[in-house]
């Protein structure tokens, strides 16, 4: 067998993060156990940290049937801003559907609502997502 191609740790991490973007749909579909809201939020937080590293700075909170996520730095928003796109809110389009899909997959059979009271792409100082899971 030929010697493996040498990759730096930084290159390995970059490749892993790209692969995770492709895998995320399949990864969430394979989560078959039912999780409580707190565990589902921990899964999403872990996934986000591995996928985006320091390119996204966020905090996660749970209280009862509700979770709150605040994002102070968003790679998608920063990319749109740096590209000088005419509309920076383009970065918000994915978040308007992905949070709902993630939690509906992680908490099957439970009604999930996601509200977006604050968004960087809409001129707010940070993004805020409020996830509510029905009993």
Protein backbone atom coordinates (compact mmCIF):
# COMPACT_ATOMS: atom_id res chain seq x y z
CA UNK A 1 0.00 0.00 0.00
CA UNK A 2 1.19 3.48 -0.78
CA UNK A 3 1.98 5.92 2.00
CA UNK A 4 -0.98 8.06 3.05
CA UNK A 5 -1.10 11.63 1.85
CA UNK A 6 0.16 13.92 4.64
CA UNK A 7 -2.37 16.40 5.97
CA UNK A 8 -1.84 18.97 8.68
CA UNK A 9 -4.23 19.01 11.63
CA UNK A 10 -5.72 22.25 10.27
CA UNK A 11 -6.35 20.64 6.87
CA UNK A 12 -7.94 17.59 8.51
CA UNK A 13 -10.28 19.82 10.50
CA UNK A 14 -11.21 21.80 7.39
CA UNK A 15 -12.03 18.58 5.51
CA UNK A 16 -14.01 17.20 8.47
CA UNK A 17 -16.08 20.38 8.68
CA UNK A 18 -16.89 20.23 4.97
CA UNK A 19 -17.85 16.59 5.23
CA UNK A 20 -20.12 17.34 8.18
CA UNK A 21 -22.02 19.85 6.05
CA UNK A 22 -22.80 17.02 3.63
CA UNK A 23 -23.53 14.52 6.36
CA UNK A 24 -25.76 16.64 8.57
CA UNK A 25 -29.03 15.58 6.98
CA UNK A 26 -28.12 11.91 7.21
CA UNK A 27 -26.68 12.29 10.69
CA UNK A 28 -29.87 13.76 12.10
CA UNK A 29 -32.02 11.22 10.29
CA UNK A 30 -30.08 8.43 12.02
CA UNK A 31 -30.86 9.79 15.49
CA UNK A 32 -33.59 7.33 16.41
CA UNK A 33 -33.87 7.66 20.17
CA UNK A 34 -36.18 10.27 21.60
CA UNK A 35 -34.34 13.02 23.42
CA UNK A 36 -35.59 15.66 25.80
CA UNK A 37 -35.26 19.28 24.73
CA UNK A 38 -32.09 19.81 26.80
CA UNK A 39 -30.32 16.79 25.26
CA UNK A 40 -31.49 17.77 21.76
CA UNK A 41 -30.07 21.25 22.33
CA UNK A 42 -26.77 19.75 23.53
CA UNK A 43 -26.57 17.65 20.35
CA UNK A 44 -27.16 20.72 18.16
CA UNK A 45 -24.62 22.77 20.18
CA UNK A 46 -21.98 20.04 19.88
CA UNK A 47 -22.63 19.67 16.18
CA UNK A 48 -22.37 23.43 15.65
CA UNK A 49 -19.09 23.70 17.52
CA UNK A 50 -17.50 20.83 15.60
CA UNK A 51 -18.85 22.10 12.27
CA UNK A 52 -18.13 25.79 12.64
CA UNK A 53 -15.46 25.99 15.33
CA UNK A 54 -14.94 29.61 16.34
CA UNK A 55 -16.68 30.96 13.23
CA UNK A 56 -19.93 30.95 15.21
CA UNK A 57 -20.15 32.18 18.79
CA UNK A 58 -23.34 31.06 20.48
CA UNK A 59 -24.87 30.26 23.86
CA UNK A 60 -27.60 27.75 24.67
CA UNK A 61 -30.11 27.86 27.52
CA UNK A 62 -33.05 25.65 28.48
CA UNK A 63 -35.89 26.19 30.88
CA UNK A 64 -38.75 23.72 30.97
CA UNK A 65 -40.24 23.22 27.50
CA UNK A 66 -38.33 26.17 26.05
CA UNK A 67 -34.78 26.61 24.78
CA UNK A 68 -33.11 29.87 23.83
CA UNK A 69 -30.09 30.16 21.55
CA UNK A 70 -28.17 33.40 21.13
CA UNK A 71 -25.63 33.83 18.36
CA UNK A 72 -23.21 36.73 18.65
CA UNK A 73 -21.00 35.88 15.67
CA UNK A 74 -22.37 34.06 12.60
CA UNK A 75 -20.15 32.83 9.77
CA UNK A 76 -22.98 33.03 7.22
CA UNK A 77 -23.82 36.62 8.15
CA UNK A 78 -20.16 37.65 8.23
CA UNK A 79 -19.65 36.08 4.80
CA UNK A 80 -22.61 37.97 3.34
CA UNK A 81 -21.43 41.19 4.92
CA UNK A 82 -17.84 40.78 3.70
CA UNK A 83 -19.10 39.94 0.20
CA UNK A 84 -20.96 43.26 0.31
CA UNK A 85 -24.15 41.62 -0.80
CA UNK A 86 -27.03 44.02 -1.27
CA UNK A 87 -29.02 42.10 1.35
CA UNK A 88 -27.22 40.77 4.43
CA UNK A 89 -30.43 39.00 5.52
CA UNK A 90 -29.70 36.29 2.94
CA UNK A 91 -27.66 34.65 5.67
CA UNK A 92 -30.85 34.27 7.74
CA UNK A 93 -32.72 32.15 5.20
CA UNK A 94 -31.26 28.80 6.35
CA UNK A 95 -31.95 29.50 10.02
CA UNK A 96 -35.60 30.15 9.23
CA UNK A 97 -36.02 26.45 8.42
CA UNK A 98 -33.07 24.48 9.77
CA UNK A 99 -33.76 24.91 13.51
CA UNK A 100 -37.31 23.62 13.05
CA UNK A 101 -36.09 20.64 11.02
CA UNK A 102 -33.35 19.74 13.51
CA UNK A 103 -35.64 19.73 16.53
CA UNK A 104 -38.50 17.96 14.78
CA UNK A 105 -36.02 15.22 13.89
CA UNK A 106 -34.48 15.03 17.35
CA UNK A 107 -37.86 15.17 19.11
CA UNK A 108 -40.14 13.07 16.89
CA UNK A 109 -43.86 13.28 17.56
CA UNK A 110 -43.64 16.58 19.45
CA UNK A 111 -44.92 19.86 18.10
CA UNK A 112 -42.00 22.28 17.81
CA UNK A 113 -42.21 26.03 17.28
CA UNK A 114 -39.25 28.28 16.61
CA UNK A 115 -39.41 32.04 16.95
CA UNK A 116 -36.73 34.46 15.76
CA UNK A 117 -37.06 37.67 17.80
CA UNK A 118 -33.55 38.92 16.88
CA UNK A 119 -31.38 38.41 13.79
CA UNK A 120 -28.01 39.85 12.79
CA UNK A 121 -29.11 39.92 9.15
CA UNK A 122 -32.08 42.12 10.10
CA UNK A 123 -29.87 44.68 11.85
CA UNK A 124 -30.03 43.33 15.42
CA UNK A 125 -26.92 43.10 17.63
CA UNK A 126 -27.23 39.29 17.78
CA UNK A 127 -29.45 36.43 16.68
CA UNK A 128 -31.85 34.84 19.09
CA UNK A 129 -33.89 31.69 18.54
CA UNK A 130 -36.60 30.50 20.90
CA UNK A 131 -37.47 26.82 20.53
CA UNK A 132 -40.61 25.53 22.26
CA UNK A 133 -41.45 21.82 22.45
CA UNK A 134 -45.03 20.79 23.24
CA UNK A 135 -45.55 18.22 25.98
